[in-house]
PDB file of N, CA and C in Angstrom:
ATOM      1  N   MET A   1      90.236 117.310  98.027  1.00  0.00           N
ATOM      2  CA  MET A   1      90.085 116.092  98.797  1.00  0.00           C
ATOM      3  C   MET A   1      89.664 116.476 100.213  1.00  0.00           C
ATOM      4  N   PRO A   2      88.646 115.827 100.733  1.00  0.00           N
ATOM      5  CA  PRO A   2      88.201 116.133 102.100  1.00  0.00           C
ATOM      6  C   PRO A   2      89.303 115.866 103.122  1.00  0.00           C
ATOM      7  N   ARG A   3      89.248 116.617 104.201  1.00  0.00           N
ATOM      8  CA  ARG A   3      90.268 116.538 105.246  1.00  0.00           C
ATOM      9  C   ARG A   3      90.386 115.132 105.853  1.00  0.00           C
ATOM     10  N   VAL A   4      89.263 114.439 106.011  1.00  0.00           N
ATOM     11  CA  VAL A   4      89.263 113.096 106.599  1.00  0.00           C
ATOM     12  C   VAL A   4      90.043 112.135 105.716  1.00  0.00           C
ATOM     13  N   GLU A   5      89.826 112.225 104.387  1.00  0.00           N
ATOM     14  CA  GLU A   5      90.545 111.346 103.461  1.00  0.00           C
ATOM     15  C   GLU A   5      92.040 111.644 103.479  1.00  0.00           C
ATOM     16  N   THR A   6      92.411 112.908 103.564  1.00  0.00           N
ATOM     17  CA  THR A   6      93.819 113.289 103.618  1.00  0.00           C
ATOM     18  C   THR A   6      94.469 112.715 104.872  1.00  0.00           C
ATOM     19  N   ARG A   7      93.802 112.820 105.999  1.00  0.00           N
ATOM     20  CA  ARG A   7      94.334 112.284 107.258  1.00  0.00           C
ATOM     21  C   ARG A   7      94.489 110.766 107.163  1.00  0.00           C
ATOM     22  N   ALA A   8      93.498 110.100 106.582  1.00  0.00           N
ATOM     23  CA  ALA A   8      93.559 108.644 106.453  1.00  0.00           C
ATOM     24  C   ALA A   8      94.724 108.231 105.550  1.00  0.00           C
ATOM     25  N   LEU A   9      94.936 108.972 104.466  1.00  0.00           N
ATOM     26  CA  LEU A   9      96.054 108.675 103.571  1.00  0.00           C
ATOM     27  C   LEU A   9      97.395 108.896 104.273  1.00  0.00           C
ATOM     28  N   LYS A  10      97.511 109.977 105.036  1.00  0.00           N
ATOM     29  CA  LYS A  10      98.750 110.238 105.773  1.00  0.00           C
ATOM     30  C   LYS A  10      99.011 109.140 106.800  1.00  0.00           C
ATOM     31  N   ASN A  11      97.962 108.714 107.495  1.00  0.00           N
ATOM     32  CA  ASN A  11      98.119 107.632 108.473  1.00  0.00           C
ATOM     33  C   ASN A  11      98.564 106.345 107.795  1.00  0.00           C
ATOM     34  N   ALA A  12      97.939 106.031 106.662  1.00  0.00           N
ATOM     35  CA  ALA A  12      98.307 104.819 105.932  1.00  0.00           C
ATOM     36  C   ALA A  12      99.752 104.890 105.452  1.00  0.00           C
ATOM     37  N   LEU A  13     100.184 106.055 104.999  1.00  0.00           N
ATOM     38  CA  LEU A  13     101.560 106.239 104.551  1.00  0.00           C
ATOM     39  C   LEU A  13     102.532 106.066 105.716  1.00  0.00           C
ATOM     40  N   ASN A  14     102.210 106.623 106.867  1.00  0.00           N
ATOM     41  CA  ASN A  14     103.073 106.481 108.048  1.00  0.00           C
ATOM     42  C   ASN A  14     103.168 105.034 108.501  1.00  0.00           C
ATOM     43  N   VAL A  15     102.067 104.302 108.435  1.00  0.00           N
ATOM     44  CA  VAL A  15     102.084 102.881 108.799  1.00  0.00           C
ATOM     45  C   VAL A  15     102.979 102.116 107.830  1.00  0.00           C
ATOM     46  N   ALA A  16     102.858 102.397 106.551  1.00  0.00           N
ATOM     47  CA  ALA A  16     103.688 101.725 105.547  1.00  0.00           C
ATOM     48  C   ALA A  16     105.171 102.040 105.758  1.00  0.00           C
ATOM     49  N   LYS A  17     105.496 103.306 106.044  1.00  0.00           N
ATOM     50  CA  LYS A  17     106.894 103.685 106.295  1.00  0.00           C
ATOM     51  C   LYS A  17     107.441 102.967 107.525  1.00  0.00           C
ATOM     52  N   ALA A  18     106.640 102.854 108.561  1.00  0.00           N
ATOM     53  CA  ALA A  18     107.070 102.177 109.786  1.00  0.00           C
ATOM     54  C   ALA A  18     107.348 100.696 109.516  1.00  0.00           C
ATOM     55  N   LYS A  19     106.530 100.071 108.688  1.00  0.00           N
ATOM     56  CA  LYS A  19     106.740  98.659 108.357  1.00  0.00           C
ATOM     57  C   LYS A  19     108.034  98.474 107.569  1.00  0.00           C
ATOM     58  N   VAL A  20     108.308  99.378 106.654  1.00  0.00           N
ATOM     59  CA  VAL A  20     109.552  99.306 105.879  1.00  0.00           C
ATOM     60  C   VAL A  20     110.750  99.487 106.799  1.00  0.00           C
ATOM     61  N   ARG A  21     110.696 100.472 107.710  1.00  0.00           N
ATOM     62  CA  ARG A  21     111.800 100.696 108.660  1.00  0.00           C
ATOM     63  C   ARG A  21     112.006  99.484 109.557  1.00  0.00           C
ATOM     64  N   ALA A  22     110.913  98.829 109.950  1.00  0.00           N
ATOM     65  CA  ALA A  22     111.023  97.659 110.820  1.00  0.00           C
ATOM     66  C   ALA A  22     111.734  96.513 110.112  1.00  0.00           C
ATOM     67  N   VAL A  23     111.515  96.384 108.822  1.00  0.00           N
ATOM     68  CA  VAL A  23     112.165  95.319 108.055  1.00  0.00           C
ATOM     69  C   VAL A  23     113.616  95.683 107.761  1.00  0.00           C
ATOM     70  N   GLU A  24     113.861  96.935 107.396  1.00  0.00           N
ATOM     71  CA  GLU A  24     115.209  97.365 107.039  1.00  0.00           C
ATOM     72  C   GLU A  24     116.131  97.434 108.248  1.00  0.00           C
ATOM     73  N   GLY A  25     115.614  97.877 109.364  1.00  0.00           N
ATOM     74  CA  GLY A  25     116.436  98.009 110.558  1.00  0.00           C
ATOM     75  C   GLY A  25     117.272  99.272 110.542  1.00  0.00           C
ATOM     76  N   PRO A  26     118.022  99.507 111.606  1.00  0.00           N
ATOM     77  CA  PRO A  26     118.753 100.756 111.759  1.00  0.00           C
ATOM     78  C   PRO A  26     120.148 100.774 111.134  1.00  0.00           C
ATOM     79  N   ALA A  27     120.679  99.637 110.692  1.00  0.00           N
ATOM     80  CA  ALA A  27     122.050  99.584 110.172  1.00  0.00           C
ATOM     81  C   ALA A  27     122.102 100.073 108.729  1.00  0.00           C
ATOM     82  N   ARG A  28     122.987 101.052 108.496  1.00  0.00           N
ATOM     83  CA  ARG A  28     123.201 101.570 107.141  1.00  0.00           C
ATOM     84  C   ARG A  28     124.595 101.174 106.682  1.00  0.00           C
ATOM     85  N   LYS A  29     124.753 100.892 105.389  1.00  0.00           N
ATOM     86  CA  LYS A  29     126.055 100.512 104.843  1.00  0.00           C
ATOM     87  C   LYS A  29     126.766 101.723 104.256  1.00  0.00           C
ATOM     88  N   ASP A  30     126.914 102.758 105.058  1.00  0.00           N
ATOM     89  CA  ASP A  30     127.641 103.955 104.669  1.00  0.00           C
ATOM     90  C   ASP A  30     128.879 104.045 105.536  1.00  0.00           C
ATOM     91  N   GLN A  31     130.008 104.480 104.957  1.00  0.00           N
ATOM     92  CA  GLN A  31     131.238 104.582 105.729  1.00  0.00           C
ATOM     93  C   GLN A  31     131.105 105.569 106.881  1.00  0.00           C
ATOM     94  N   ASP A  32     130.206 106.532 106.779  1.00  0.00           N
ATOM     95  CA  ASP A  32     130.034 107.498 107.867  1.00  0.00           C
ATOM     96  C   ASP A  32     129.060 107.003 108.932  1.00  0.00           C
ATOM     97  N   ALA A  33     128.528 105.789 108.773  1.00  0.00           N
ATOM     98  CA  ALA A  33     127.565 105.236 109.726  1.00  0.00           C
ATOM     99  C   ALA A  33     128.290 104.532 110.876  1.00  0.00           C
ATOM    100  N   ALA A  34     127.599 104.417 111.974  1.00  0.00           N
ATOM    101  CA  ALA A  34     128.060 103.645 113.133  1.00  0.00           C
ATOM    102  C   ALA A  34     126.934 102.669 113.454  1.00  0.00           C
ATOM    103  N   PRO A  35     126.878 101.520 112.757  1.00  0.00           N
ATOM    104  CA  PRO A  35     125.720 100.634 112.845  1.00  0.00           C
ATOM    105  C   PRO A  35     125.319 100.239 114.265  1.00  0.00           C
ATOM    106  N   ILE A  36     126.270  99.912 115.112  1.00  0.00           N
ATOM    107  CA  ILE A  36     125.901  99.484 116.461  1.00  0.00           C
ATOM    108  C   ILE A  36     125.377 100.670 117.256  1.00  0.00           C
ATOM    109  N   ALA A  37     126.039 101.812 117.167  1.00  0.00           N
ATOM    110  CA  ALA A  37     125.553 103.010 117.872  1.00  0.00           C
ATOM    111  C   ALA A  37     124.193 103.437 117.337  1.00  0.00           C
ATOM    112  N   ASP A  38     124.006 103.365 116.015  1.00  0.00           N
ATOM    113  CA  ASP A  38     122.711 103.712 115.433  1.00  0.00           C
ATOM    114  C   ASP A  38     121.619 102.760 115.931  1.00  0.00           C
ATOM    115  N   ALA A  39     121.943 101.469 116.033  1.00  0.00           N
ATOM    116  CA  ALA A  39     120.973 100.486 116.500  1.00  0.00           C
ATOM    117  C   ALA A  39     120.647 100.692 117.986  1.00  0.00           C
ATOM    118  N   ILE A  40     121.647 101.065 118.776  1.00  0.00           N
ATOM    119  CA  ILE A  40     121.401 101.344 120.189  1.00  0.00           C
ATOM    120  C   ILE A  40     120.482 102.551 120.329  1.00  0.00           C
ATOM    121  N   ARG A  41     120.747 103.603 119.548  1.00  0.00           N
ATOM    122  CA  ARG A  41     119.891 104.795 119.580  1.00  0.00           C
ATOM    123  C   ARG A  41     118.460 104.428 119.178  1.00  0.00           C
ATOM    124  N   ASP A  42     118.316 103.627 118.136  1.00  0.00           N
ATOM    125  CA  ASP A  42     116.996 103.193 117.682  1.00  0.00           C
ATOM    126  C   ASP A  42     116.292 102.385 118.773  1.00  0.00           C
ATOM    127  N   TYR A  43     117.016 101.492 119.422  1.00  0.00           N
ATOM    128  CA  TYR A  43     116.470 100.675 120.505  1.00  0.00           C
ATOM    129  C   TYR A  43     115.956 101.555 121.636  1.00  0.00           C
ATOM    130  N   LEU A  44     116.762 102.523 122.050  1.00  0.00           N
ATOM    131  CA  LEU A  44     116.362 103.402 123.143  1.00  0.00           C
ATOM    132  C   LEU A  44     115.183 104.290 122.746  1.00  0.00           C
ATOM    133  N   ASP A  45     115.151 104.730 121.486  1.00  0.00           N
ATOM    134  CA  ASP A  45     114.042 105.553 120.998  1.00  0.00           C
ATOM    135  C   ASP A  45     112.719 104.785 120.991  1.00  0.00           C
ATOM    136  N   ARG A  46     112.795 103.464 120.808  1.00  0.00           N
ATOM    137  CA  ARG A  46     111.566 102.658 120.801  1.00  0.00           C
ATOM    138  C   ARG A  46     110.970 102.524 122.191  1.00  0.00           C
ATOM    139  N   GLY A  47     111.728 102.809 123.226  1.00  0.00           N
ATOM    140  CA  GLY A  47     111.210 102.742 124.588  1.00  0.00           C
ATOM    141  C   GLY A  47     110.992 101.324 125.088  1.00  0.00           C
ATOM    142  N   VAL A  48     111.691 100.374 124.504  1.00  0.00           N
ATOM    143  CA  VAL A  48     111.552  98.980 124.890  1.00  0.00           C
ATOM    144  C   VAL A  48     112.429  98.711 126.107  1.00  0.00           C
ATOM    145  N   LEU A  49     111.949  97.849 126.971  1.00  0.00           N
ATOM    146  CA  LEU A  49     112.725  97.422 128.125  1.00  0.00           C
ATOM    147  C   LEU A  49     112.821  95.909 128.054  1.00  0.00           C
ATOM    148  N   THR A  50     113.977  95.404 127.668  1.00  0.00           N
ATOM    149  CA  THR A  50     114.175  93.970 127.529  1.00  0.00           C
ATOM    150  C   THR A  50     115.466  93.610 128.237  1.00  0.00           C
ATOM    151  N   PHE A  51     115.671  92.347 128.502  1.00  0.00           N
ATOM    152  CA  PHE A  51     116.836  91.935 129.278  1.00  0.00           C
ATOM    153  C   PHE A  51     117.562  90.796 128.601  1.00  0.00           C
ATOM    154  N   SER A  52     118.853  90.765 128.805  1.00  0.00           N
ATOM    155  CA  SER A  52     119.657  89.669 128.284  1.00  0.00           C
ATOM    156  C   SER A  52     119.402  88.413 129.108  1.00  0.00           C
ATOM    157  N   ILE A  53     119.786  87.302 128.554  1.00  0.00           N
ATOM    158  CA  ILE A  53     119.681  86.033 129.264  1.00  0.00           C
ATOM    159  C   ILE A  53     120.531  86.151 130.524  1.00  0.00           C
ATOM    160  N   PRO A  54     120.100  85.713 131.680  1.00  0.00           N
ATOM    161  CA  PRO A  54     119.000  84.794 131.934  1.00  0.00           C
ATOM    162  C   PRO A  54     117.695  85.464 132.316  1.00  0.00           C
ATOM    163  N   ALA A  55     117.571  86.762 132.201  1.00  0.00           N
ATOM    164  CA  ALA A  55     116.363  87.437 132.681  1.00  0.00           C
ATOM    165  C   ALA A  55     115.125  87.071 131.868  1.00  0.00           C
ATOM    166  N   HIS A  56     115.268  86.908 130.569  1.00  0.00           N
ATOM    167  CA  HIS A  56     114.178  86.511 129.686  1.00  0.00           C
ATOM    168  C   HIS A  56     112.953  87.405 129.747  1.00  0.00           C
ATOM    169  N   GLY A  57     113.061  88.597 130.279  1.00  0.00           N
ATOM    170  CA  GLY A  57     111.934  89.525 130.270  1.00  0.00           C
ATOM    171  C   GLY A  57     111.993  90.321 128.984  1.00  0.00           C
ATOM    172  N   GLY A  58     110.934  90.995 128.658  1.00  0.00           N
ATOM    173  CA  GLY A  58     111.011  91.795 127.461  1.00  0.00           C
ATOM    174  C   GLY A  58     109.737  92.528 127.153  1.00  0.00           C
ATOM    175  N   GLY A  59     109.843  93.411 126.175  1.00  0.00           N
ATOM    176  CA  GLY A  59     108.694  94.159 125.734  1.00  0.00           C
ATOM    177  C   GLY A  59     108.471  95.411 126.554  1.00  0.00           C
ATOM    178  N   ILE A  60     107.330  95.966 126.376  1.00  0.00           N
ATOM    179  CA  ILE A  60     106.965  97.168 127.106  1.00  0.00           C
ATOM    180  C   ILE A  60     106.002  96.733 128.201  1.00  0.00           C
ATOM    181  N   GLY A  61     106.407  96.889 129.411  1.00  0.00           N
ATOM    182  CA  GLY A  61     105.581  96.454 130.521  1.00  0.00           C
ATOM    183  C   GLY A  61     106.061  97.102 131.790  1.00  0.00           C
ATOM    184  N   PRO A  62     105.682  96.548 132.913  1.00  0.00           N
ATOM    185  CA  PRO A  62     106.108  97.149 134.178  1.00  0.00           C
ATOM    186  C   PRO A  62     107.616  97.060 134.349  1.00  0.00           C
ATOM    187  N   ALA A  63     108.157  98.019 135.048  1.00  0.00           N
ATOM    188  CA  ALA A  63     109.594  98.032 135.303  1.00  0.00           C
ATOM    189  C   ALA A  63     109.960  96.864 136.205  1.00  0.00           C
ATOM    190  N   PRO A  64     111.141  96.284 135.998  1.00  0.00           N
ATOM    191  CA  PRO A  64     111.553  95.179 136.857  1.00  0.00           C
ATOM    192  C   PRO A  64     111.807  95.660 138.281  1.00  0.00           C
ATOM    193  N   GLU A  65     111.770  94.738 139.190  1.00  0.00           N
ATOM    194  CA  GLU A  65     111.935  95.061 140.606  1.00  0.00           C
ATOM    195  C   GLU A  65     113.251  95.790 140.886  1.00  0.00           C
ATOM    196  N   PHE A  66     114.351  95.319 140.267  1.00  0.00           N
ATOM    197  CA  PHE A  66     115.632  95.947 140.562  1.00  0.00           C
ATOM    198  C   PHE A  66     115.718  97.389 140.082  1.00  0.00           C
ATOM    199  N   ALA A  67     114.858  97.789 139.136  1.00  0.00           N
ATOM    200  CA  ALA A  67     114.875  99.171 138.649  1.00  0.00           C
ATOM    201  C   ALA A  67     114.433 100.147 139.732  1.00  0.00           C
ATOM    202  N   LYS A  68     113.717  99.639 140.733  1.00  0.00           N
ATOM    203  CA  LYS A  68     113.283 100.518 141.823  1.00  0.00           C
ATOM    204  C   LYS A  68     114.473 101.045 142.614  1.00  0.00           C
ATOM    205  N   TRP A  69     115.531 100.234 142.744  1.00  0.00           N
ATOM    206  CA  TRP A  69     116.690 100.698 143.499  1.00  0.00           C
ATOM    207  C   TRP A  69     117.867 101.040 142.600  1.00  0.00           C
ATOM    208  N   ALA A  70     117.960 100.451 141.410  1.00  0.00           N
ATOM    209  CA  ALA A  70     119.091 100.722 140.519  1.00  0.00           C
ATOM    210  C   ALA A  70     118.770 101.806 139.496  1.00  0.00           C
ATOM    211  N   GLY A  71     117.485 102.061 139.272  1.00  0.00           N
ATOM    212  CA  GLY A  71     117.074 103.061 138.299  1.00  0.00           C
ATOM    213  C   GLY A  71     116.681 102.431 136.973  1.00  0.00           C
ATOM    214  N   LEU A  72     115.702 103.027 136.333  1.00  0.00           N
ATOM    215  CA  LEU A  72     115.201 102.508 135.064  1.00  0.00           C
ATOM    216  C   LEU A  72     116.261 102.563 133.971  1.00  0.00           C
ATOM    217  N   GLU A  73     117.080 103.599 133.960  1.00  0.00           N
ATOM    218  CA  GLU A  73     118.113 103.705 132.917  1.00  0.00           C
ATOM    219  C   GLU A  73     119.150 102.588 133.051  1.00  0.00           C
ATOM    220  N   THR A  74     119.382 102.118 134.265  1.00  0.00           N
ATOM    221  CA  THR A  74     120.284 100.980 134.456  1.00  0.00           C
ATOM    222  C   THR A  74     119.686  99.746 133.799  1.00  0.00           C
ATOM    223  N   ALA A  75     118.403  99.539 133.973  1.00  0.00           N
ATOM    224  CA  ALA A  75     117.735  98.399 133.347  1.00  0.00           C
ATOM    225  C   ALA A  75     117.743  98.538 131.831  1.00  0.00           C
ATOM    226  N   ARG A  76     117.543  99.739 131.344  1.00  0.00           N
ATOM    227  CA  ARG A  76     117.525  99.950 129.890  1.00  0.00           C
ATOM    228  C   ARG A  76     118.900  99.799 129.272  1.00  0.00           C
ATOM    229  N   ALA A  77     119.966  99.924 130.077  1.00  0.00           N
ATOM    230  CA  ALA A  77     121.330  99.815 129.554  1.00  0.00           C
ATOM    231  C   ALA A  77     121.726  98.368 129.275  1.00  0.00           C
ATOM    232  N   ASP A  78     120.919  97.414 129.705  1.00  0.00           N
ATOM    233  CA  ASP A  78     121.184  95.998 129.446  1.00  0.00           C
ATOM    234  C   ASP A  78     120.661  95.680 128.049  1.00  0.00           C
ATOM    235  N   LEU A  79     121.449  96.034 127.048  1.00  0.00           N
ATOM    236  CA  LEU A  79     121.005  95.918 125.661  1.00  0.00           C
ATOM    237  C   LEU A  79     121.380  94.575 125.052  1.00  0.00           C
ATOM    238  N   PRO A  80     120.424  93.724 124.776  1.00  0.00           N
ATOM    239  CA  PRO A  80     120.752  92.474 124.110  1.00  0.00           C
ATOM    240  C   PRO A  80     120.993  92.710 122.625  1.00  0.00           C
ATOM    241  N   MET A  81     122.007  92.084 122.071  1.00  0.00           N
ATOM    242  CA  MET A  81     122.267  92.230 120.638  1.00  0.00           C
ATOM    243  C   MET A  81     121.144  91.558 119.849  1.00  0.00           C
ATOM    244  N   SER A  82     120.724  90.372 120.297  1.00  0.00           N
ATOM    245  CA  SER A  82     119.653  89.652 119.634  1.00  0.00           C
ATOM    246  C   SER A  82     118.327  90.004 120.299  1.00  0.00           C
ATOM    247  N   HIS A  83     117.354  90.372 119.510  1.00  0.00           N
ATOM    248  CA  HIS A  83     116.016  90.744 119.990  1.00  0.00           C
ATOM    249  C   HIS A  83     116.089  92.022 120.828  1.00  0.00           C
ATOM    250  N   GLY A  84     116.821  92.976 120.320  1.00  0.00           N
ATOM    251  CA  GLY A  84     116.980  94.263 120.989  1.00  0.00           C
ATOM    252  C   GLY A  84     117.643  95.215 120.014  1.00  0.00           C
ATOM    253  N   VAL A  85     118.966  95.191 120.004  1.00  0.00           N
ATOM    254  CA  VAL A  85     119.716  96.031 119.080  1.00  0.00           C
ATOM    255  C   VAL A  85     119.538  95.494 117.654  1.00  0.00           C
ATOM    256  N   ASP A  86     119.392  94.194 117.525  1.00  0.00           N
ATOM    257  CA  ASP A  86     119.101  93.552 116.238  1.00  0.00           C
ATOM    258  C   ASP A  86     117.883  92.652 116.448  1.00  0.00           C
ATOM    259  N   THR A  87     117.393  92.050 115.401  1.00  0.00           N
ATOM    260  CA  THR A  87     116.279  91.120 115.536  1.00  0.00           C
ATOM    261  C   THR A  87     116.796  89.781 116.054  1.00  0.00           C
ATOM    262  N   ARG A  88     115.892  88.957 116.513  1.00  0.00           N
ATOM    263  CA  ARG A  88     116.293  87.657 117.071  1.00  0.00           C
ATOM    264  C   ARG A  88     117.113  86.849 116.065  1.00  0.00           C
ATOM    265  N   ASP A  89     116.747  86.901 114.791  1.00  0.00           N
ATOM    266  CA  ASP A  89     117.473  86.142 113.769  1.00  0.00           C
ATOM    267  C   ASP A  89     118.567  86.978 113.088  1.00  0.00           C
ATOM    268  N   ARG A  90     118.860  88.129 113.681  1.00  0.00           N
ATOM    269  CA  ARG A  90     119.908  89.042 113.203  1.00  0.00           C
ATOM    270  C   ARG A  90     119.652  89.524 111.763  1.00  0.00           C
ATOM    271  N   ALA A  91     118.378  89.648 111.406  1.00  0.00           N
ATOM    272  CA  ALA A  91     118.000  90.041 110.050  1.00  0.00           C
ATOM    273  C   ALA A  91     118.454  91.450 109.684  1.00  0.00           C
ATOM    274  N   TRP A  92     118.585  92.328 110.695  1.00  0.00           N
ATOM    275  CA  TRP A  92     119.030  93.690 110.395  1.00  0.00           C
ATOM    276  C   TRP A  92     120.522  93.752 110.130  1.00  0.00           C
ATOM    277  N   LYS A  93     121.251  92.705 110.510  1.00  0.00           N
ATOM    278  CA  LYS A  93     122.694  92.598 110.262  1.00  0.00           C
ATOM    279  C   LYS A  93     123.492  93.758 110.857  1.00  0.00           C
ATOM    280  N   VAL A  94     123.128  94.166 112.069  1.00  0.00           N
ATOM    281  CA  VAL A  94     123.790  95.294 112.726  1.00  0.00           C
ATOM    282  C   VAL A  94     125.270  95.005 112.948  1.00  0.00           C
ATOM    283  N   GLN A  95     125.584  93.896 113.603  1.00  0.00           N
ATOM    284  CA  GLN A  95     126.980  93.573 113.905  1.00  0.00           C
ATOM    285  C   GLN A  95     127.742  93.253 112.629  1.00  0.00           C
ATOM    286  N   ALA A  96     127.156  92.496 111.721  1.00  0.00           N
ATOM    287  CA  ALA A  96     127.826  92.154 110.464  1.00  0.00           C
ATOM    288  C   ALA A  96     128.120  93.405 109.644  1.00  0.00           C
ATOM    289  N   THR A  97     127.192  94.351 109.611  1.00  0.00           N
ATOM    290  CA  THR A  97     127.408  95.594 108.875  1.00  0.00           C
ATOM    291  C   THR A  97     128.543  96.394 109.504  1.00  0.00           C
ATOM    292  N   ALA A  98     128.562  96.458 110.837  1.00  0.00           N
ATOM    293  CA  ALA A  98     129.639  97.173 111.524  1.00  0.00           C
ATOM    294  C   ALA A  98     130.987  96.545 111.211  1.00  0.00           C
ATOM    295  N   GLN A  99     131.067  95.231 111.238  1.00  0.00           N
ATOM    296  CA  GLN A  99     132.321  94.545 110.942  1.00  0.00           C
ATOM    297  C   GLN A  99     132.741  94.748 109.492  1.00  0.00           C
ATOM    298  N   GLU A 100     131.784  94.697 108.579  1.00  0.00           N
ATOM    299  CA  GLU A 100     132.072  94.918 107.160  1.00  0.00           C
ATOM    300  C   GLU A 100     132.607  96.327 106.912  1.00  0.00           C
ATOM    301  N   LEU A 101     131.974  97.322 107.516  1.00  0.00           N
ATOM    302  CA  LEU A 101     132.422  98.696 107.334  1.00  0.00           C
ATOM    303  C   LEU A 101     133.794  98.926 107.965  1.00  0.00           C
ATOM    304  N   PHE A 102     134.052  98.294 109.097  1.00  0.00           N
ATOM    305  CA  PHE A 102     135.343  98.444 109.757  1.00  0.00           C
ATOM    306  C   PHE A 102     136.464  97.842 108.924  1.00  0.00           C
ATOM    307  N   ALA A 103     136.186  96.717 108.258  1.00  0.00           N
ATOM    308  CA  ALA A 103     137.198  96.016 107.477  1.00  0.00           C
ATOM    309  C   ALA A 103     137.401  96.616 106.089  1.00  0.00           C
ATOM    310  N   ALA A 104     136.456  97.425 105.636  1.00  0.00           N
ATOM    311  CA  ALA A 104     136.548  97.985 104.277  1.00  0.00           C
ATOM    312  C   ALA A 104     137.664  99.015 104.188  1.00  0.00           C
ATOM    313  N   PRO A 105     138.405  98.974 103.094  1.00  0.00           N
ATOM    314  CA  PRO A 105     139.446 100.003 102.916  1.00  0.00           C
ATOM    315  C   PRO A 105     138.796 101.369 102.712  1.00  0.00           C
ATOM    316  N   THR A 106     139.441 102.386 103.207  1.00  0.00           N
ATOM    317  CA  THR A 106     138.877 103.736 103.063  1.00  0.00           C
ATOM    318  C   THR A 106     139.406 104.445 101.852  1.00  0.00           C
TER     319      THR A 106
END
């Protein structure tokens, strides 16, 4: 198989894997998992800068004004559960999974 076709197939596979991960989310239903911590790590790895209400800012864009004096990591520490650590409609079930695992008998 020519090198170009191999690269195109690998790229297509990576795109497909990313789409599956985006739908599944970071929460795993394993007793050794920490769904909220895993979701926070995933959020920070994505490099997104979003803010809780009432800031209503979000996405990847210029740093907010207060980050100039408070630091970018301070702004990134404002992790919204909805549309940040989890999806807006809570489809990843990060908090619900954490609560379920905590309540499960060991």
